[in-house]
Amino acid sequence: MRANPTPLVQGEKANRREQIMAAAAELFAHHGFHGVGIDDIGAAVGISGPALYRHFRSKDAILGEMLGSISDFLLTGGTARAEAGGTPEELLGALVRFHVDFALDNPALITVQERNLANLTDSDRKQVRALQRQYVEVWVRAIRAARPGLGERQARSAAHAVFGLINSTPYNRHLGDGELADLLCRLALGALSAAG
């Protein structure tokens, strides 16, 4: 059972802002940021487009908060796993499983994150990039602890390669989620093993 699988609360417990971001994520993933208007997002949550301005100042603000939430969620989750203790191999396994679960549970968010960084305002982009760099550093430290012979640049490259592998999941639905999660974990850990 996956605990807290998404940075955007959905369902009955979601507040209106979270509902708007979840709907916008789906729309941005399927139609692109520029292919979605405020009226489209409003219709997806059952309100008028102009009513969205009570919750967000603009479509850019929705995207900024969405990508900021994703990045913060990943950093918080990665840091929690790093602080949980265990062997270096156990930490790598925990980080891989966390990222795999996130990617499988949130394909729209993965797609939006990959395609829309350039659409953020400068201040939002700086904030998201800073959070992403911190998340990468959690991985770099874990990889170097598990693969002591690996240099910092190689560990960083390995982390990004594993993210690319895992984040490809929105486009790969040939297997059920459980089977795909297990396969992705094996592949990612195998790649990290080969890096050392």
C-alpha atoms as a PDB file:
ATOM      1  CA  MET A   1       0.000   0.000   0.000  1.00  0.00           C
ATOM      2  CA  ARG A   2       1.427   3.353  -1.013  1.00  0.00           C
ATOM      3  CA  ALA A   3       1.328   6.090   1.594  1.00  0.00           C
ATOM      4  CA  ASN A   4       0.648   9.666   0.528  1.00  0.00           C
ATOM      5  CA  PRO A   5       1.079   9.000  -3.205  1.00  0.00           C
ATOM      6  CA  THR A   6       0.559  12.524  -4.487  1.00  0.00           C
ATOM      7  CA  PRO A   7       1.529  16.089  -3.697  1.00  0.00           C
ATOM      8  CA  LEU A   8      -1.905  17.254  -4.810  1.00  0.00           C
ATOM      9  CA  VAL A   9      -4.691  15.996  -2.589  1.00  0.00           C
ATOM     10  CA  GLN A  10      -7.601  14.614  -4.595  1.00  0.00           C
ATOM     11  CA  GLY A  11     -11.105  13.376  -3.892  1.00  0.00           C
ATOM     12  CA  GLU A  12     -13.283  14.406  -0.990  1.00  0.00           C
ATOM     13  CA  LYS A  13     -10.420  15.821   1.093  1.00  0.00           C
ATOM     14  CA  ALA A  14      -9.180  18.132  -1.671  1.00  0.00           C
ATOM     15  CA  ASN A  15      -9.814  21.805  -1.207  1.00  0.00           C
ATOM     16  CA  ARG A  16     -10.796  23.907  -4.213  1.00  0.00           C
ATOM     17  CA  ARG A  17      -7.196  24.994  -4.965  1.00  0.00           C
ATOM     18  CA  GLU A  18      -6.050  21.356  -4.971  1.00  0.00           C
ATOM     19  CA  GLN A  19      -8.977  20.362  -7.210  1.00  0.00           C
ATOM     20  CA  ILE A  20      -8.042  23.124  -9.624  1.00  0.00           C
ATOM     21  CA  MET A  21      -4.381  22.072  -9.729  1.00  0.00           C
ATOM     22  CA  ALA A  22      -5.272  18.389 -10.214  1.00  0.00           C
ATOM     23  CA  ALA A  23      -7.644  19.248 -13.078  1.00  0.00           C
ATOM     24  CA  ALA A  24      -5.110  21.628 -14.617  1.00  0.00           C
ATOM     25  CA  ALA A  25      -2.414  18.924 -14.444  1.00  0.00           C
ATOM     26  CA  GLU A  26      -4.568  16.546 -16.469  1.00  0.00           C
ATOM     27  CA  LEU A  27      -5.429  19.243 -18.998  1.00  0.00           C
ATOM     28  CA  PHE A  28      -1.838  20.511 -19.338  1.00  0.00           C
ATOM     29  CA  ALA A  29      -0.576  16.929 -19.758  1.00  0.00           C
ATOM     30  CA  HIS A  30      -3.042  16.151 -22.543  1.00  0.00           C
ATOM     31  CA  HIS A  31      -3.286  19.497 -24.372  1.00  0.00           C
ATOM     32  CA  GLY A  32      -0.130  21.385 -23.391  1.00  0.00           C
ATOM     33  CA  PHE A  33       0.052  24.494 -21.241  1.00  0.00           C
ATOM     34  CA  HIS A  34      -0.687  26.842 -24.146  1.00  0.00           C
ATOM     35  CA  GLY A  35      -3.542  24.647 -25.390  1.00  0.00           C
ATOM     36  CA  VAL A  36      -5.539  25.094 -22.171  1.00  0.00           C
ATOM     37  CA  GLY A  37      -7.466  28.186 -21.169  1.00  0.00           C
ATOM     38  CA  ILE A  38      -8.815  29.353 -17.839  1.00  0.00           C
ATOM     39  CA  ASP A  39     -12.345  28.444 -18.998  1.00  0.00           C
ATOM     40  CA  ASP A  40     -11.198  24.860 -19.686  1.00  0.00           C
ATOM     41  CA  ILE A  41      -9.778  24.514 -16.183  1.00  0.00           C
ATOM     42  CA  GLY A  42     -12.899  26.042 -14.640  1.00  0.00           C
ATOM     43  CA  ALA A  43     -15.173  23.691 -16.571  1.00  0.00           C
ATOM     44  CA  ALA A  44     -13.131  20.708 -15.370  1.00  0.00           C
ATOM     45  CA  VAL A  45     -13.880  21.602 -11.730  1.00  0.00           C
ATOM     46  CA  GLY A  46     -17.426  22.856 -12.266  1.00  0.00           C
ATOM     47  CA  ILE A  47     -16.889  26.600 -11.968  1.00  0.00           C
ATOM     48  CA  SER A  48     -16.609  29.439 -14.448  1.00  0.00           C
ATOM     49  CA  GLY A  49     -13.196  30.422 -15.730  1.00  0.00           C
ATOM     50  CA  PRO A  50     -13.357  33.866 -14.100  1.00  0.00           C
ATOM     51  CA  ALA A  51     -14.230  32.226 -10.756  1.00  0.00           C
ATOM     52  CA  LEU A  52     -10.757  30.630 -10.837  1.00  0.00           C
ATOM     53  CA  TYR A  53      -9.303  34.057 -10.158  1.00  0.00           C
ATOM     54  CA  ARG A  54     -10.620  33.802  -6.608  1.00  0.00           C
ATOM     55  CA  HIS A  55      -8.140  30.959  -6.092  1.00  0.00           C
ATOM     56  CA  PHE A  56      -5.234  31.783  -8.456  1.00  0.00           C
ATOM     57  CA  ARG A  57      -4.187  35.094  -9.996  1.00  0.00           C
ATOM     58  CA  SER A  58      -3.452  33.442 -13.375  1.00  0.00           C
ATOM     59  CA  LYS A  59      -2.873  30.221 -15.277  1.00  0.00           C
ATOM     60  CA  ASP A  60       0.860  30.853 -14.747  1.00  0.00           C
ATOM     61  CA  ALA A  61       0.267  30.885 -10.982  1.00  0.00           C
ATOM     62  CA  ILE A  62      -1.509  27.513 -11.184  1.00  0.00           C
ATOM     63  CA  LEU A  63       1.472  26.031 -13.035  1.00  0.00           C
ATOM     64  CA  GLY A  64       3.957  27.616 -10.635  1.00  0.00           C
ATOM     65  CA  GLU A  65       2.250  26.268  -7.549  1.00  0.00           C
ATOM     66  CA  MET A  66       1.779  22.861  -9.183  1.00  0.00           C
ATOM     67  CA  LEU A  67       5.438  22.418 -10.133  1.00  0.00           C
ATOM     68  CA  GLY A  68       6.571  23.881  -6.828  1.00  0.00           C
ATOM     69  CA  SER A  69       4.365  21.381  -4.982  1.00  0.00           C
ATOM     70  CA  ILE A  70       5.737  18.473  -7.014  1.00  0.00           C
ATOM     71  CA  SER A  71       9.335  19.493  -6.371  1.00  0.00           C
ATOM     72  CA  ASP A  72       8.724  20.076  -2.661  1.00  0.00           C
ATOM     73  CA  PHE A  73       6.946  16.714  -2.356  1.00  0.00           C
ATOM     74  CA  LEU A  74       9.858  14.878  -3.986  1.00  0.00           C
ATOM     75  CA  LEU A  75      12.465  16.660  -1.865  1.00  0.00           C
ATOM     76  CA  THR A  76      10.533  16.058   1.367  1.00  0.00           C
ATOM     77  CA  GLY A  77       9.987  12.380   0.526  1.00  0.00           C
ATOM     78  CA  GLY A  78      13.576  11.821  -0.574  1.00  0.00           C
ATOM     79  CA  THR A  79      14.953  13.550   2.521  1.00  0.00           C
ATOM     80  CA  ALA A  80      12.687  11.480   4.794  1.00  0.00           C
ATOM     81  CA  ARG A  81      13.999   8.272   3.254  1.00  0.00           C
ATOM     82  CA  ALA A  82      17.604   9.441   3.582  1.00  0.00           C
ATOM     83  CA  GLU A  83      17.043  10.262   7.252  1.00  0.00           C
ATOM     84  CA  ALA A  84      15.339   6.926   7.971  1.00  0.00           C
ATOM     85  CA  GLY A  85      18.659   5.131   8.234  1.00  0.00           C
ATOM     86  CA  GLY A  86      19.623   1.726   6.914  1.00  0.00           C
ATOM     87  CA  THR A  87      22.399   0.557   4.663  1.00  0.00           C
ATOM     88  CA  PRO A  88      23.383   2.499   1.544  1.00  0.00           C
ATOM     89  CA  GLU A  89      21.730  -0.210  -0.596  1.00  0.00           C
ATOM     90  CA  GLU A  90      18.511   0.041   1.428  1.00  0.00           C
ATOM     91  CA  LEU A  91      18.478   3.806   0.963  1.00  0.00           C
ATOM     92  CA  LEU A  92      18.936   3.494  -2.799  1.00  0.00           C
ATOM     93  CA  GLY A  93      16.116   0.966  -2.904  1.00  0.00           C
ATOM     94  CA  ALA A  94      13.872   3.269  -0.877  1.00  0.00           C
ATOM     95  CA  LEU A  95      14.622   6.279  -3.092  1.00  0.00           C
ATOM     96  CA  VAL A  96      14.021   4.296  -6.265  1.00  0.00           C
ATOM     97  CA  ARG A  97      10.725   2.867  -4.971  1.00  0.00           C
ATOM     98  CA  PHE A  98       9.569   6.317  -3.807  1.00  0.00           C
ATOM     99  CA  HIS A  99      10.241   7.883  -7.205  1.00  0.00           C
ATOM    100  CA  VAL A 100       8.719   4.945  -9.090  1.00  0.00           C
ATOM    101  CA  ASP A 101       5.558   5.100  -6.977  1.00  0.00           C
ATOM    102  CA  PHE A 102       5.318   8.849  -7.534  1.00  0.00           C
ATOM    103  CA  ALA A 103       5.711   8.484 -11.304  1.00  0.00           C
ATOM    104  CA  LEU A 104       3.154   5.690 -11.602  1.00  0.00           C
ATOM    105  CA  ASP A 105       0.629   7.401  -9.343  1.00  0.00           C
ATOM    106  CA  ASN A 106       1.011  10.802 -11.024  1.00  0.00           C
ATOM    107  CA  PRO A 107       1.612  10.418 -14.763  1.00  0.00           C
ATOM    108  CA  ALA A 108       0.019  13.782 -15.569  1.00  0.00           C
ATOM    109  CA  LEU A 109       2.264  15.561 -13.074  1.00  0.00           C
ATOM    110  CA  ILE A 110       5.364  13.856 -14.506  1.00  0.00           C
ATOM    111  CA  THR A 111       4.340  14.965 -18.003  1.00  0.00           C
ATOM    112  CA  VAL A 112       3.627  18.538 -16.907  1.00  0.00           C
ATOM    113  CA  GLN A 113       6.893  18.713 -14.977  1.00  0.00           C
ATOM    114  CA  GLU A 114       8.933  17.513 -17.958  1.00  0.00           C
ATOM    115  CA  ARG A 115       7.273  19.764 -20.536  1.00  0.00           C
ATOM    116  CA  ASN A 116       6.549  23.012 -18.760  1.00  0.00           C
ATOM    117  CA  LEU A 117       9.547  24.266 -16.819  1.00  0.00           C
ATOM    118  CA  ALA A 118      10.120  26.877 -19.539  1.00  0.00           C
ATOM    119  CA  ASN A 119       6.544  28.139 -19.098  1.00  0.00           C
ATOM    120  CA  LEU A 120       7.129  29.158 -15.484  1.00  0.00           C
ATOM    121  CA  THR A 121       7.711  32.746 -14.479  1.00  0.00           C
ATOM    122  CA  ASP A 122      11.342  33.520 -13.676  1.00  0.00           C
ATOM    123  CA  SER A 123      10.760  33.522  -9.912  1.00  0.00           C
ATOM    124  CA  ASP A 124       8.794  30.253  -9.994  1.00  0.00           C
ATOM    125  CA  ARG A 125      11.428  28.642 -12.223  1.00  0.00           C
ATOM    126  CA  LYS A 126      14.201  29.616  -9.799  1.00  0.00           C
ATOM    127  CA  GLN A 127      12.262  28.180  -6.866  1.00  0.00           C
ATOM    128  CA  VAL A 128      11.448  24.918  -8.673  1.00  0.00           C
ATOM    129  CA  ARG A 129      15.026  24.541  -9.928  1.00  0.00           C
ATOM    130  CA  ALA A 130      16.404  25.064  -6.403  1.00  0.00           C
ATOM    131  CA  LEU A 131      14.103  22.347  -5.011  1.00  0.00           C
ATOM    132  CA  GLN A 132      14.988  20.003  -7.865  1.00  0.00           C
ATOM    133  CA  ARG A 133      18.719  20.514  -7.289  1.00  0.00           C
ATOM    134  CA  GLN A 134      18.286  19.678  -3.600  1.00  0.00           C
ATOM    135  CA  TYR A 135      16.388  16.499  -4.513  1.00  0.00           C
ATOM    136  CA  VAL A 136      19.149  15.483  -6.927  1.00  0.00           C
ATOM    137  CA  GLU A 137      21.714  16.028  -4.165  1.00  0.00           C
ATOM    138  CA  VAL A 138      19.831  13.596  -1.887  1.00  0.00           C
ATOM    139  CA  TRP A 139      20.282  11.014  -4.638  1.00  0.00           C
ATOM    140  CA  VAL A 140      23.912  11.930  -5.301  1.00  0.00           C
ATOM    141  CA  ARG A 141      24.828  11.399  -1.645  1.00  0.00           C
ATOM    142  CA  ALA A 142      22.945   8.074  -1.581  1.00  0.00           C
ATOM    143  CA  ILE A 143      24.539   6.853  -4.816  1.00  0.00           C
ATOM    144  CA  ARG A 144      28.050   7.787  -3.658  1.00  0.00           C
ATOM    145  CA  ALA A 145      27.494   6.060  -0.318  1.00  0.00           C
ATOM    146  CA  ALA A 146      26.429   2.876  -2.127  1.00  0.00           C
ATOM    147  CA  ARG A 147      29.073   3.221  -4.873  1.00  0.00           C
ATOM    148  CA  PRO A 148      32.113   4.743  -3.104  1.00  0.00           C
ATOM    149  CA  GLY A 149      34.289   4.694  -6.225  1.00  0.00           C
ATOM    150  CA  LEU A 150      31.898   6.933  -8.129  1.00  0.00           C
ATOM    151  CA  GLY A 151      32.744  10.624  -8.426  1.00  0.00           C
ATOM    152  CA  GLU A 152      30.233  13.379  -7.780  1.00  0.00           C
ATOM    153  CA  ARG A 153      29.680  14.196 -11.463  1.00  0.00           C
ATOM    154  CA  GLN A 154      29.184  10.529 -12.343  1.00  0.00           C
ATOM    155  CA  ALA A 155      26.724  10.093  -9.468  1.00  0.00           C
ATOM    156  CA  ARG A 156      24.772  13.159 -10.585  1.00  0.00           C
ATOM    157  CA  SER A 157      24.661  11.858 -14.162  1.00  0.00           C
ATOM    158  CA  ALA A 158      23.528   8.445 -12.882  1.00  0.00           C
ATOM    159  CA  ALA A 159      20.745  10.073 -10.844  1.00  0.00           C
ATOM    160  CA  HIS A 160      19.472  11.985 -13.887  1.00  0.00           C
ATOM    161  CA  ALA A 161      19.639   8.841 -16.038  1.00  0.00           C
ATOM    162  CA  VAL A 162      17.551   6.941 -13.473  1.00  0.00           C
ATOM    163  CA  PHE A 163      15.024   9.811 -13.352  1.00  0.00           C
ATOM    164  CA  GLY A 164      14.754   9.587 -17.144  1.00  0.00           C
ATOM    165  CA  LEU A 165      14.107   5.858 -16.947  1.00  0.00           C
ATOM    166  CA  ILE A 166      11.493   6.177 -14.235  1.00  0.00           C
ATOM    167  CA  ASN A 167       9.837   9.315 -15.625  1.00  0.00           C
ATOM    168  CA  SER A 168       9.214   7.581 -18.964  1.00  0.00           C
ATOM    169  CA  THR A 169       6.295   5.759 -17.318  1.00  0.00           C
ATOM    170  CA  PRO A 170       3.482   8.060 -18.506  1.00  0.00           C
ATOM    171  CA  TYR A 171       4.174   6.681 -21.979  1.00  0.00           C
ATOM    172  CA  ASN A 172       4.602   3.031 -20.973  1.00  0.00           C
ATOM    173  CA  ARG A 173       1.467   1.219 -19.876  1.00  0.00           C
ATOM    174  CA  HIS A 174       2.055  -2.250 -21.294  1.00  0.00           C
ATOM    175  CA  LEU A 175       2.091  -3.772 -17.801  1.00  0.00           C
ATOM    176  CA  GLY A 176      -0.095  -3.352 -14.752  1.00  0.00           C
ATOM    177  CA  ASP A 177       1.110  -0.825 -12.179  1.00  0.00           C
ATOM    178  CA  GLY A 178       2.440  -3.407  -9.712  1.00  0.00           C
ATOM    179  CA  GLU A 179       4.364  -5.350 -12.328  1.00  0.00           C
ATOM    180  CA  LEU A 180       5.638  -2.164 -13.962  1.00  0.00           C
ATOM    181  CA  ALA A 181       6.728  -0.764 -10.569  1.00  0.00           C
ATOM    182  CA  ASP A 182       8.727  -3.901  -9.815  1.00  0.00           C
ATOM    183  CA  LEU A 183      10.316  -3.867 -13.276  1.00  0.00           C
ATOM    184  CA  LEU A 184      11.255  -0.185 -13.034  1.00  0.00           C
ATOM    185  CA  CYS A 185      12.792  -0.727  -9.602  1.00  0.00           C
ATOM    186  CA  ARG A 186      14.881  -3.622 -10.880  1.00  0.00           C
ATOM    187  CA  LEU A 187      15.988  -1.662 -13.950  1.00  0.00           C
ATOM    188  CA  ALA A 188      16.861   1.466 -11.972  1.00  0.00           C
ATOM    189  CA  LEU A 189      18.787  -0.445  -9.314  1.00  0.00           C
ATOM    190  CA  GLY A 190      20.535  -2.462 -12.035  1.00  0.00           C
ATOM    191  CA  ALA A 191      21.588   0.741 -13.771  1.00  0.00           C
ATOM    192  CA  LEU A 192      22.901   2.176 -10.506  1.00  0.00           C
ATOM    193  CA  SER A 193      24.775  -1.066  -9.837  1.00  0.00           C
ATOM    194  CA  ALA A 194      26.359  -0.901 -13.299  1.00  0.00           C
ATOM    195  CA  ALA A 195      27.405   2.700 -12.656  1.00  0.00           C
ATOM    196  CA  GLY A 196      29.644   1.581  -9.800  1.00  0.00           C
END
